[in-house]
Amino acid sequence: MDNESVNKDENVEELFNDDDLQKALETVEASKAVKKTESKAEAAEGSFKDFLTKFKAKAKKDPVIGICLAALVLCIVGAILYFVIPAYYVKSFDMTVDQFRERYSQTSLYTSGLDQFNFAIPPVEYVEPTTSGTGIALTADPSLSNPNANDNDNTVRHERYFSAPINTSATNLATGIEGRCRSVDGKVTAVRVLVQYESSEEFFTFLKVYYATYLQTFNPELSDNEAVALAADMVYVVNTGEYMRVGNIAFRSYTCTEFGVTCIAMEIVPADSL
């Protein structure tokens, strides 16, 4: 009998050693935690259902509540239709204003010469369509990327205007940029680059390289020679009003007068915006 009793005690110890007991306790505690969570969730669900039931009952008694809810839904839907959806229909380049400035400074044409003379685009100033920027930068123009200015009200409403002078140390010629970007995501929709006009061969040589840098910014696949050749073709057919197209960009050049200064401007827009 004594031997049997000893064996039973040993069996009990084997069945209920410390590790097994600890695991069993942890399992019980975990089960309790799950039940508590489920109970809270059920209670919350029940409270929400009670709230809905009471709210529906009140709405039936007071029709003003239902009218207010319908008006709220209509306002939300109207805001989406009026602001968000039309904004995405405004064609843009796949870059924000800051990304545009950064990509410009990373082009091979810029890093091979223009960077030595402080042609970097500084942080832009966001302006209203009717106010002037700083220096040579033009007043933001609603017709910038749309020849039908009178039909451009929606574009104006869903875009912001920016402007920046470029204080280069290479020349005494004034230069700057202006443009537009979508209000919803800040992506660039149009850019205009201006340079004070000068009648000399050196000026046109500089102008071709300078404008080619912007073409390369918006179309990185262009080699230096290709970009310069396109800029040359554009400059020598100034004021025709026609856009040249390469890949995803369309561009043209024309003369204009700002603050009494005659300038040559290059305008760049997404090709699918025309």
Protein backbone atom coordinates (compact mmCIF):
# COMPACT_ATOMS: atom_id res chain seq x y z
CA MET A 1 0.00 0.00 0.00
CA ASP A 2 2.80 2.36 0.84
CA ASN A 3 4.39 1.84 -2.57
CA GLU A 4 1.07 2.50 -4.31
CA SER A 5 0.59 5.71 -2.34
CA VAL A 6 4.06 6.92 -3.27
CA ASN A 7 3.44 6.18 -6.95
CA LYS A 8 0.16 8.11 -6.86
CA ASP A 9 1.85 11.10 -5.29
CA GLU A 10 4.56 11.03 -7.94
CA ASN A 11 1.91 10.85 -10.68
CA VAL A 12 0.13 13.85 -9.21
CA GLU A 13 3.37 15.84 -9.13
CA GLU A 14 4.07 14.92 -12.75
CA LEU A 15 0.57 16.05 -13.78
CA PHE A 16 0.71 19.31 -11.84
CA ASN A 17 4.28 20.57 -12.05
CA ASP A 18 4.97 24.32 -11.85
CA ASP A 19 5.19 24.93 -15.63
CA ASP A 20 1.90 23.21 -16.36
CA LEU A 21 0.18 24.99 -13.52
CA GLN A 22 1.48 28.37 -14.74
CA LYS A 23 0.26 27.70 -18.28
CA ALA A 24 -3.14 26.65 -16.97
CA LEU A 25 -3.45 29.85 -14.95
CA GLU A 26 -2.41 31.98 -17.94
CA THR A 27 -5.03 30.26 -20.10
CA VAL A 28 -7.73 30.96 -17.52
CA GLU A 29 -6.71 34.64 -17.25
CA ALA A 30 -6.63 35.02 -21.04
CA SER A 31 -10.09 33.51 -21.28
CA LYS A 32 -11.36 35.96 -18.68
CA ALA A 33 -9.83 38.89 -20.60
CA VAL A 34 -11.48 37.77 -23.84
CA LYS A 35 -14.83 37.44 -22.13
CA LYS A 36 -14.46 40.93 -20.62
CA THR A 37 -13.62 42.39 -24.05
CA GLU A 38 -16.55 40.59 -25.63
CA SER A 39 -18.82 41.82 -22.86
CA LYS A 40 -17.67 45.42 -23.39
CA ALA A 41 -18.16 45.12 -27.14
CA GLU A 42 -21.62 43.65 -26.66
CA ALA A 43 -22.46 46.41 -24.20
CA ALA A 44 -21.23 49.09 -26.63
CA GLU A 45 -23.19 47.50 -29.46
CA GLY A 46 -26.26 47.34 -27.29
CA SER A 47 -25.86 50.98 -26.27
CA PHE A 48 -25.48 52.05 -29.90
CA LYS A 49 -28.57 50.06 -30.90
CA ASP A 50 -30.50 51.66 -28.04
CA PHE A 51 -29.30 55.08 -29.18
CA LEU A 52 -30.42 54.40 -32.77
CA THR A 53 -33.79 53.12 -31.60
CA LYS A 54 -34.37 56.20 -29.44
CA PHE A 55 -33.07 58.52 -32.18
CA LYS A 56 -35.40 56.97 -34.78
CA ALA A 57 -38.30 57.34 -32.39
CA LYS A 58 -37.46 61.03 -31.85
CA ALA A 59 -37.02 61.57 -35.59
CA LYS A 60 -40.48 60.15 -36.24
CA LYS A 61 -41.98 62.53 -33.70
CA ASP A 62 -39.91 65.52 -34.85
CA PRO A 63 -39.50 65.69 -38.70
CA VAL A 64 -37.03 68.57 -38.33
CA ILE A 65 -34.35 66.06 -37.26
CA GLY A 66 -34.75 64.10 -40.49
CA ILE A 67 -34.65 67.28 -42.56
CA CYS A 68 -31.44 68.39 -40.82
CA LEU A 69 -29.80 65.02 -41.47
CA ALA A 70 -30.77 65.13 -45.13
CA ALA A 71 -29.41 68.67 -45.41
CA LEU A 72 -26.13 67.60 -43.79
CA VAL A 73 -25.71 64.73 -46.25
CA LEU A 74 -26.49 67.02 -49.18
CA CYS A 75 -23.91 69.56 -47.95
CA ILE A 76 -21.20 66.89 -47.71
CA VAL A 77 -21.99 65.49 -51.15
CA GLY A 78 -22.20 69.00 -52.59
CA ALA A 79 -18.82 69.94 -51.16
CA ILE A 80 -17.23 66.85 -52.69
CA LEU A 81 -18.82 67.53 -56.08
CA TYR A 82 -17.96 71.24 -55.99
CA PHE A 83 -14.41 71.23 -54.65
CA VAL A 84 -12.68 67.84 -54.70
CA ILE A 85 -13.83 66.15 -57.92
CA PRO A 86 -13.41 69.20 -60.24
CA ALA A 87 -9.94 69.85 -58.79
CA TYR A 88 -8.75 66.44 -59.93
CA TYR A 89 -9.98 67.18 -63.45
CA VAL A 90 -7.51 70.07 -63.67
CA LYS A 91 -4.60 68.53 -65.58
CA SER A 92 -1.24 68.72 -63.86
CA PHE A 93 2.35 67.57 -63.98
CA ASP A 94 3.23 64.78 -61.57
CA MET A 95 5.13 67.07 -59.19
CA THR A 96 4.41 69.65 -56.53
CA VAL A 97 5.92 73.14 -56.59
CA ASP A 98 8.74 72.13 -54.24
CA GLN A 99 9.43 69.00 -56.29
CA PHE A 100 9.53 71.16 -59.41
CA ARG A 101 12.14 73.44 -57.83
CA GLU A 102 14.20 70.43 -56.71
CA ARG A 103 14.06 68.62 -60.06
CA TYR A 104 15.06 71.79 -61.87
CA SER A 105 18.21 72.03 -59.75
CA GLN A 106 19.02 68.37 -60.47
CA THR A 107 18.87 68.50 -64.28
CA SER A 108 22.13 67.89 -66.12
CA LEU A 109 21.91 71.28 -67.86
CA TYR A 110 21.57 73.07 -64.54
CA THR A 111 24.35 71.18 -62.75
CA SER A 112 26.71 71.60 -65.70
CA GLY A 113 26.74 75.39 -65.63
CA LEU A 114 23.74 77.34 -64.36
CA ASP A 115 24.31 76.33 -60.74
CA GLN A 116 27.54 78.34 -60.71
CA PHE A 117 25.61 81.56 -61.31
CA ASN A 118 22.78 81.29 -58.78
CA PHE A 119 19.95 80.41 -61.15
CA ALA A 120 18.21 78.34 -58.46
CA ILE A 121 14.47 78.83 -58.02
CA PRO A 122 13.88 80.26 -54.53
CA PRO A 123 10.86 79.39 -52.38
CA VAL A 124 7.81 80.73 -54.16
CA GLU A 125 5.31 83.29 -52.97
CA TYR A 126 1.66 82.26 -53.27
CA VAL A 127 -0.36 85.14 -54.65
CA GLU A 128 -3.93 86.01 -55.56
CA PRO A 129 -4.80 86.08 -59.29
CA THR A 130 -5.06 89.88 -59.19
CA THR A 131 -1.90 90.70 -57.23
CA SER A 132 1.65 91.04 -58.45
CA GLY A 133 4.51 88.93 -57.25
CA THR A 134 7.97 90.21 -56.51
CA GLY A 135 10.49 91.58 -59.00
CA ILE A 136 9.97 90.47 -62.59
CA ALA A 137 7.45 87.74 -61.72
CA LEU A 138 4.19 88.42 -63.50
CA THR A 139 0.74 88.92 -62.09
CA ALA A 140 -0.88 85.49 -62.09
CA ASP A 141 -2.91 85.25 -65.27
CA PRO A 142 -6.03 83.03 -65.54
CA SER A 143 -5.27 82.51 -69.24
CA LEU A 144 -1.84 81.03 -68.48
CA SER A 145 -2.70 77.50 -69.58
CA ASN A 146 -6.01 78.10 -71.30
CA PRO A 147 -6.39 80.29 -74.42
CA ASN A 148 -10.09 80.73 -73.54
CA ALA A 149 -9.70 82.95 -70.50
CA ASN A 150 -13.45 83.59 -70.20
CA ASP A 151 -14.09 79.85 -69.82
CA ASN A 152 -11.48 79.43 -67.12
CA ASP A 153 -13.47 80.25 -63.99
CA ASN A 154 -13.40 76.66 -62.70
CA THR A 155 -9.64 76.48 -63.20
CA VAL A 156 -9.14 79.68 -61.21
CA ARG A 157 -11.30 78.40 -58.37
CA HIS A 158 -9.42 75.11 -58.01
CA GLU A 159 -5.87 76.41 -58.33
CA ARG A 160 -3.35 78.48 -56.43
CA TYR A 161 -0.94 80.92 -58.05
CA PHE A 162 2.75 81.22 -57.25
CA SER A 163 5.52 83.59 -58.20
CA ALA A 164 9.26 83.92 -57.59
CA PRO A 165 12.07 86.19 -58.83
CA ILE A 166 15.42 84.59 -59.63
CA ASN A 167 18.27 86.79 -58.46
CA THR A 168 21.06 85.42 -60.60
CA SER A 169 24.61 86.74 -60.35
CA ALA A 170 25.43 85.87 -63.97
CA THR A 171 23.73 88.76 -65.71
CA ASN A 172 21.99 92.04 -65.07
CA LEU A 173 18.95 90.71 -66.91
CA ALA A 174 15.85 90.23 -64.78
CA THR A 175 14.32 86.77 -64.70
CA GLY A 176 11.67 84.97 -62.71
CA ILE A 177 8.89 82.42 -62.79
CA GLU A 178 5.20 82.27 -62.11
CA GLY A 179 2.71 79.48 -62.33
CA ARG A 180 -0.25 77.61 -60.99
CA CYS A 181 -0.81 74.48 -58.92
CA ARG A 182 -3.86 72.48 -57.93
CA SER A 183 -5.36 73.48 -54.60
CA VAL A 184 -6.21 69.90 -53.66
CA ASP A 185 -2.69 68.40 -53.85
CA GLY A 186 -0.29 71.22 -54.83
CA LYS A 187 0.71 69.65 -58.16
CA VAL A 188 1.95 72.08 -60.81
CA THR A 189 -0.48 72.83 -63.64
CA ALA A 190 1.44 75.53 -65.53
CA VAL A 191 4.73 77.43 -65.40
CA ARG A 192 5.85 80.58 -67.15
CA VAL A 193 9.52 81.61 -67.21
CA LEU A 194 10.37 85.23 -68.02
CA VAL A 195 13.63 86.82 -69.07
CA GLN A 196 14.23 90.49 -69.81
CA TYR A 197 14.73 90.84 -73.57
CA GLU A 198 18.07 91.86 -75.05
CA SER A 199 18.93 91.96 -78.73
CA SER A 200 22.20 90.05 -79.01
CA GLU A 201 23.46 86.66 -80.14
CA GLU A 202 24.85 85.97 -76.67
CA PHE A 203 21.41 86.55 -75.18
CA PHE A 204 19.77 83.99 -77.45
CA THR A 205 22.54 81.48 -76.77
CA PHE A 206 21.90 81.87 -73.06
CA LEU A 207 18.13 81.79 -73.54
CA LYS A 208 18.23 78.45 -75.36
CA VAL A 209 20.17 76.79 -72.55
CA TYR A 210 18.10 78.44 -69.82
CA TYR A 211 14.75 77.45 -71.31
CA ALA A 212 16.08 73.98 -72.17
CA THR A 213 16.70 73.43 -68.45
CA TYR A 214 12.99 73.87 -67.76
CA LEU A 215 12.07 71.53 -70.62
CA GLN A 216 14.40 68.95 -69.11
CA THR A 217 12.78 69.47 -65.70
CA PHE A 218 9.35 68.49 -66.98
CA ASN A 219 10.64 65.84 -69.40
CA PRO A 220 13.73 64.17 -67.85
CA GLU A 221 14.08 61.85 -70.86
CA LEU A 222 15.37 64.75 -72.98
CA SER A 223 19.13 64.82 -73.43
CA ASP A 224 20.99 68.13 -73.17
CA ASN A 225 21.25 68.45 -76.96
CA GLU A 226 17.60 67.54 -77.52
CA ALA A 227 16.38 70.04 -74.93
CA VAL A 228 18.54 72.87 -76.32
CA ALA A 229 17.42 72.12 -79.90
CA LEU A 230 13.76 72.25 -78.87
CA ALA A 231 14.29 75.50 -76.98
CA ALA A 232 16.01 76.99 -80.04
CA ASP A 233 13.10 76.01 -82.29
CA MET A 234 10.66 77.56 -79.81
CA VAL A 235 12.58 80.83 -79.43
CA TYR A 236 12.97 81.37 -83.16
CA VAL A 237 9.22 81.00 -83.77
CA VAL A 238 8.24 83.36 -80.95
CA ASN A 239 4.74 84.87 -80.91
CA THR A 240 3.11 82.34 -83.26
CA GLY A 241 0.77 81.26 -80.48
CA GLU A 242 1.33 77.62 -81.39
CA TYR A 243 2.38 75.07 -78.80
CA MET A 244 5.17 72.63 -79.47
CA ARG A 245 4.64 69.19 -77.94
CA VAL A 246 7.13 66.63 -76.70
CA GLY A 247 5.93 63.70 -74.62
CA ASN A 248 3.79 64.96 -71.77
CA ILE A 249 4.62 68.67 -72.15
CA ALA A 250 3.45 71.48 -74.42
CA PHE A 251 5.34 74.78 -74.61
CA ARG A 252 5.53 78.06 -76.53
CA SER A 253 7.24 81.46 -76.32
CA TYR A 254 6.06 85.02 -76.76
CA THR A 255 7.05 88.56 -75.89
CA CYS A 256 5.31 90.59 -73.20
CA THR A 257 5.80 93.78 -71.23
CA GLU A 258 5.75 93.85 -67.46
CA PHE A 259 6.42 96.90 -65.30
CA GLY A 260 7.74 98.63 -68.40
CA VAL A 261 10.23 95.82 -69.13
CA THR A 262 10.09 93.86 -72.40
CA CYS A 263 10.43 90.14 -71.74
CA ILE A 264 10.49 86.86 -73.59
CA ALA A 265 8.30 84.33 -71.84
CA MET A 266 8.22 80.56 -72.10
CA GLU A 267 5.01 78.85 -71.07
CA ILE A 268 4.91 75.12 -70.19
CA VAL A 269 1.70 73.17 -69.60
CA PRO A 270 0.66 69.49 -69.58
CA ALA A 271 0.06 68.41 -73.17
CA ASP A 272 -3.28 66.85 -72.28
CA SER A 273 -4.57 70.15 -70.88
CA LEU A 274 -4.89 71.67 -74.36
